[in-house]
Amino acid sequence: METAVYRIVQEALTNVRRHARAGAAEVEVTRTGTLRVRISDDGAGLPSTARAGVGTVSMRERAAELGGTCAITSRPGGGTVVEALLPLPVDTRHHV
């Protein structure tokens, strides 16, 4: 899971650098019942003619391999958000 999260963040930040024309980007990782990885920027957002490239497909495939999802959307007011939701393994050590 660590490698998949790292690669999703890496690809999202590469896309920010290459395409977004952003002044800032933020990476958030939260853990509840799932692991939520959210990368957002304040750049140009997704063009209306955007097609899924190799990196986008790769992020979605990495999430799917773990039983999760990865969505890429435009933010209201500008920018792009990549959000991966990944199920956490059940820790059976604490169950009786």
N, C-alpha and C. Protein backbone atom coordinates (compact mmCIF):
# COMPACT_ATOMS: atom_id res chain seq x y z
N MET A 1 0.82 -1.19 0.00
CA MET A 1 0.00 0.00 0.00
C MET A 1 0.87 1.26 0.00
N GLU A 2 1.96 1.23 0.76
CA GLU A 2 2.81 2.42 0.84
C GLU A 2 3.34 2.83 -0.54
N THR A 3 3.74 1.84 -1.32
CA THR A 3 4.26 2.13 -2.65
C THR A 3 3.18 2.71 -3.54
N ALA A 4 1.97 2.19 -3.48
CA ALA A 4 0.87 2.70 -4.30
C ALA A 4 0.57 4.15 -3.94
N VAL A 5 0.51 4.45 -2.65
CA VAL A 5 0.23 5.82 -2.21
C VAL A 5 1.34 6.76 -2.68
N TYR A 6 2.58 6.33 -2.50
CA TYR A 6 3.71 7.15 -2.94
C TYR A 6 3.61 7.45 -4.44
N ARG A 7 3.34 6.43 -5.24
CA ARG A 7 3.27 6.61 -6.70
C ARG A 7 2.08 7.48 -7.11
N ILE A 8 0.95 7.37 -6.44
CA ILE A 8 -0.19 8.22 -6.74
C ILE A 8 0.16 9.68 -6.46
N VAL A 9 0.74 9.93 -5.29
CA VAL A 9 1.14 11.31 -4.95
C VAL A 9 2.19 11.82 -5.93
N GLN A 10 3.16 10.99 -6.24
CA GLN A 10 4.22 11.38 -7.16
C GLN A 10 3.64 11.77 -8.53
N GLU A 11 2.75 10.96 -9.06
CA GLU A 11 2.16 11.24 -10.38
C GLU A 11 1.29 12.49 -10.33
N ALA A 12 0.52 12.65 -9.27
CA ALA A 12 -0.32 13.84 -9.15
C ALA A 12 0.53 15.11 -9.10
N LEU A 13 1.61 15.08 -8.32
CA LEU A 13 2.48 16.27 -8.24
C LEU A 13 3.23 16.50 -9.55
N THR A 14 3.57 15.45 -10.26
CA THR A 14 4.18 15.60 -11.59
C THR A 14 3.21 16.31 -12.52
N ASN A 15 1.94 15.92 -12.47
CA ASN A 15 0.93 16.58 -13.30
C ASN A 15 0.75 18.05 -12.92
N VAL A 16 0.82 18.35 -11.63
CA VAL A 16 0.74 19.76 -11.20
C VAL A 16 1.88 20.54 -11.83
N ARG A 17 3.09 19.99 -11.72
CA ARG A 17 4.27 20.69 -12.26
C ARG A 17 4.18 20.86 -13.77
N ARG A 18 3.75 19.83 -14.48
CA ARG A 18 3.74 19.86 -15.94
C ARG A 18 2.57 20.63 -16.56
N HIS A 19 1.40 20.54 -15.92
CA HIS A 19 0.19 21.00 -16.61
C HIS A 19 -0.62 22.08 -15.91
N ALA A 20 -0.52 22.19 -14.60
CA ALA A 20 -1.50 22.99 -13.85
C ALA A 20 -1.27 24.50 -13.88
N ARG A 21 -0.03 24.93 -14.08
CA ARG A 21 0.29 26.35 -13.93
C ARG A 21 -0.17 26.84 -12.56
N ALA A 22 0.13 26.04 -11.53
CA ALA A 22 -0.32 26.31 -10.16
C ALA A 22 0.72 27.08 -9.38
N GLY A 23 0.24 27.86 -8.44
CA GLY A 23 1.12 28.55 -7.50
C GLY A 23 1.39 27.71 -6.27
N ALA A 24 0.47 26.78 -5.97
CA ALA A 24 0.60 25.95 -4.78
C ALA A 24 -0.11 24.62 -4.98
N ALA A 25 0.37 23.63 -4.26
CA ALA A 25 -0.27 22.32 -4.23
C ALA A 25 -0.24 21.83 -2.79
N GLU A 26 -1.21 21.00 -2.44
CA GLU A 26 -1.30 20.49 -1.08
C GLU A 26 -1.57 18.99 -1.13
N VAL A 27 -0.89 18.26 -0.25
CA VAL A 27 -1.10 16.82 -0.12
C VAL A 27 -1.66 16.58 1.28
N GLU A 28 -2.81 15.91 1.33
CA GLU A 28 -3.43 15.55 2.60
C GLU A 28 -3.60 14.04 2.66
N VAL A 29 -3.24 13.46 3.77
CA VAL A 29 -3.47 12.03 3.98
C VAL A 29 -4.21 11.89 5.31
N THR A 30 -5.38 11.28 5.26
CA THR A 30 -6.15 11.05 6.48
C THR A 30 -6.52 9.58 6.56
N ARG A 31 -6.66 9.13 7.79
CA ARG A 31 -6.97 7.72 8.02
C ARG A 31 -8.17 7.62 8.95
N THR A 32 -9.23 7.04 8.44
CA THR A 32 -10.39 6.70 9.26
C THR A 32 -10.65 5.23 8.98
N GLY A 33 -11.79 4.89 8.42
CA GLY A 33 -12.03 3.52 7.99
C GLY A 33 -11.31 3.21 6.69
N THR A 34 -10.92 4.26 6.00
CA THR A 34 -10.15 4.14 4.76
C THR A 34 -8.97 5.10 4.83
N LEU A 35 -8.05 4.92 3.91
CA LEU A 35 -6.96 5.87 3.77
C LEU A 35 -7.35 6.82 2.65
N ARG A 36 -7.42 8.09 2.97
CA ARG A 36 -7.80 9.11 1.98
C ARG A 36 -6.56 9.92 1.64
N VAL A 37 -6.21 9.93 0.36
CA VAL A 37 -5.06 10.69 -0.13
C VAL A 37 -5.62 11.73 -1.09
N ARG A 38 -5.39 13.00 -0.77
CA ARG A 38 -5.95 14.09 -1.56
C ARG A 38 -4.85 15.05 -1.95
N ILE A 39 -4.68 15.25 -3.26
CA ILE A 39 -3.70 16.20 -3.77
C ILE A 39 -4.48 17.27 -4.51
N SER A 40 -4.34 18.52 -4.10
CA SER A 40 -5.08 19.60 -4.74
C SER A 40 -4.12 20.72 -5.12
N ASP A 41 -4.51 21.47 -6.15
CA ASP A 41 -3.70 22.61 -6.57
C ASP A 41 -4.61 23.79 -6.89
N ASP A 42 -4.00 24.95 -7.05
CA ASP A 42 -4.75 26.16 -7.36
C ASP A 42 -4.52 26.60 -8.81
N GLY A 43 -4.25 25.64 -9.67
CA GLY A 43 -3.92 25.93 -11.06
C GLY A 43 -5.12 26.10 -11.97
N ALA A 44 -4.91 25.79 -13.22
CA ALA A 44 -5.89 26.04 -14.27
C ALA A 44 -7.07 25.08 -14.26
N GLY A 45 -6.98 23.97 -13.58
CA GLY A 45 -8.06 22.99 -13.59
C GLY A 45 -7.97 22.12 -14.83
N LEU A 46 -8.90 21.19 -14.93
CA LEU A 46 -8.90 20.28 -16.06
C LEU A 46 -9.50 20.95 -17.29
N PRO A 47 -8.85 20.84 -18.42
CA PRO A 47 -9.47 21.38 -19.64
C PRO A 47 -10.68 20.54 -20.02
N SER A 48 -11.62 21.15 -20.69
CA SER A 48 -12.84 20.43 -21.07
C SER A 48 -12.56 19.28 -22.03
N THR A 49 -11.42 19.33 -22.70
CA THR A 49 -11.05 18.27 -23.65
C THR A 49 -10.04 17.29 -23.06
N ALA A 50 -9.92 17.27 -21.72
CA ALA A 50 -8.92 16.42 -21.08
C ALA A 50 -9.21 14.94 -21.35
N ARG A 51 -8.14 14.23 -21.67
CA ARG A 51 -8.22 12.77 -21.85
C ARG A 51 -7.31 12.13 -20.82
N ALA A 52 -7.66 10.93 -20.42
CA ALA A 52 -6.84 10.22 -19.44
C ALA A 52 -5.55 9.78 -20.10
N GLY A 53 -4.44 10.26 -19.58
CA GLY A 53 -3.13 9.86 -20.07
C GLY A 53 -2.60 8.68 -19.27
N VAL A 54 -1.38 8.31 -19.56
CA VAL A 54 -0.76 7.16 -18.89
C VAL A 54 -0.72 7.36 -17.38
N GLY A 55 -0.36 8.55 -16.93
CA GLY A 55 -0.27 8.81 -15.50
C GLY A 55 -1.61 8.73 -14.80
N THR A 56 -2.63 9.27 -15.41
CA THR A 56 -3.98 9.22 -14.84
C THR A 56 -4.47 7.78 -14.75
N VAL A 57 -4.28 7.04 -15.82
CA VAL A 57 -4.67 5.63 -15.82
C VAL A 57 -3.90 4.87 -14.76
N SER A 58 -2.62 5.16 -14.62
CA SER A 58 -1.78 4.49 -13.63
C SER A 58 -2.27 4.75 -12.20
N MET A 59 -2.64 5.99 -11.90
CA MET A 59 -3.14 6.30 -10.56
C MET A 59 -4.42 5.51 -10.28
N ARG A 60 -5.31 5.48 -11.23
CA ARG A 60 -6.58 4.74 -11.05
C ARG A 60 -6.33 3.25 -10.91
N GLU A 61 -5.42 2.71 -11.71
CA GLU A 61 -5.11 1.28 -11.62
C GLU A 61 -4.49 0.91 -10.28
N ARG A 62 -3.58 1.75 -9.78
CA ARG A 62 -2.95 1.47 -8.49
C ARG A 62 -3.99 1.44 -7.38
N ALA A 63 -4.92 2.38 -7.40
CA ALA A 63 -5.98 2.40 -6.39
C ALA A 63 -6.87 1.17 -6.53
N ALA A 64 -7.25 0.83 -7.76
CA ALA A 64 -8.14 -0.31 -8.00
C ALA A 64 -7.49 -1.63 -7.56
N GLU A 65 -6.19 -1.77 -7.74
CA GLU A 65 -5.48 -2.99 -7.33
C GLU A 65 -5.62 -3.23 -5.83
N LEU A 66 -5.82 -2.17 -5.08
CA LEU A 66 -5.97 -2.28 -3.62
C LEU A 66 -7.44 -2.28 -3.21
N GLY A 67 -8.35 -2.30 -4.18
CA GLY A 67 -9.78 -2.28 -3.88
C GLY A 67 -10.33 -0.89 -3.64
N GLY A 68 -9.58 0.13 -4.07
CA GLY A 68 -9.99 1.52 -3.85
C GLY A 68 -10.35 2.22 -5.13
N THR A 69 -10.47 3.53 -5.02
CA THR A 69 -10.82 4.38 -6.16
C THR A 69 -9.89 5.58 -6.22
N CYS A 70 -9.82 6.17 -7.39
CA CYS A 70 -9.06 7.41 -7.57
C CYS A 70 -9.85 8.28 -8.54
N ALA A 71 -10.23 9.46 -8.07
CA ALA A 71 -11.01 10.39 -8.89
C ALA A 71 -10.19 11.66 -9.11
N ILE A 72 -10.35 12.23 -10.30
CA ILE A 72 -9.66 13.47 -10.65
C ILE A 72 -10.71 14.45 -11.11
N THR A 73 -10.82 15.57 -10.40
CA THR A 73 -11.87 16.54 -10.68
C THR A 73 -11.31 17.96 -10.66
N SER A 74 -12.07 18.87 -11.24
CA SER A 74 -11.74 20.29 -11.15
C SER A 74 -12.35 20.85 -9.87
N ARG A 75 -11.64 21.78 -9.26
CA ARG A 75 -12.14 22.46 -8.07
C ARG A 75 -12.97 23.66 -8.47
N PRO A 76 -14.05 23.93 -7.79
CA PRO A 76 -14.78 25.17 -8.05
C PRO A 76 -13.86 26.36 -7.81
N GLY A 77 -13.80 27.27 -8.72
CA GLY A 77 -12.92 28.43 -8.58
C GLY A 77 -11.52 28.22 -9.14
N GLY A 78 -11.23 27.03 -9.61
CA GLY A 78 -9.93 26.76 -10.23
C GLY A 78 -9.12 25.72 -9.49
N GLY A 79 -8.38 24.97 -10.24
CA GLY A 79 -7.53 23.95 -9.66
C GLY A 79 -8.04 22.55 -9.93
N THR A 80 -7.24 21.60 -9.54
CA THR A 80 -7.56 20.19 -9.75
C THR A 80 -7.40 19.46 -8.43
N VAL A 81 -8.22 18.43 -8.23
CA VAL A 81 -8.14 17.58 -7.05
C VAL A 81 -8.01 16.13 -7.51
N VAL A 82 -7.01 15.45 -6.98
CA VAL A 82 -6.87 14.00 -7.15
C VAL A 82 -7.16 13.41 -5.78
N GLU A 83 -8.14 12.52 -5.72
CA GLU A 83 -8.49 11.92 -4.44
C GLU A 83 -8.56 10.41 -4.57
N ALA A 84 -7.71 9.73 -3.80
CA ALA A 84 -7.71 8.28 -3.77
C ALA A 84 -8.26 7.84 -2.43
N LEU A 85 -9.19 6.90 -2.47
CA LEU A 85 -9.75 6.28 -1.27
C LEU A 85 -9.36 4.81 -1.29
N LEU A 86 -8.61 4.40 -0.28
CA LEU A 86 -8.07 3.05 -0.25
C LEU A 86 -8.51 2.35 1.03
N PRO A 87 -9.04 1.13 0.91
CA PRO A 87 -9.45 0.41 2.12
C PRO A 87 -8.22 0.00 2.92
N LEU A 88 -8.36 0.12 4.22
CA LEU A 88 -7.26 -0.30 5.10
C LEU A 88 -7.46 -1.76 5.46
N PRO A 89 -6.37 -2.51 5.53
CA PRO A 89 -6.51 -3.91 5.93
C PRO A 89 -7.03 -4.00 7.36
N VAL A 90 -7.83 -4.99 7.63
CA VAL A 90 -8.34 -5.21 8.98
C VAL A 90 -7.22 -5.79 9.82
N ASP A 91 -6.98 -5.19 10.95
CA ASP A 91 -5.93 -5.67 11.86
C ASP A 91 -6.54 -6.74 12.76
N THR A 92 -6.25 -7.97 12.46
CA THR A 92 -6.84 -9.09 13.18
C THR A 92 -6.15 -9.35 14.52
N ARG A 93 -5.06 -8.71 14.79
CA ARG A 93 -4.35 -8.93 16.06
C ARG A 93 -5.15 -8.47 17.25
N HIS A 94 -6.05 -7.49 17.06
CA HIS A 94 -6.79 -6.91 18.19
C HIS A 94 -8.16 -7.56 18.37
N HIS A 95 -8.50 -8.53 17.55
CA HIS A 95 -9.80 -9.21 17.68
C HIS A 95 -9.63 -10.48 18.48
N VAL A 96 -10.59 -10.75 19.32
CA VAL A 96 -10.54 -11.95 20.16
C VAL A 96 -11.46 -13.00 19.61
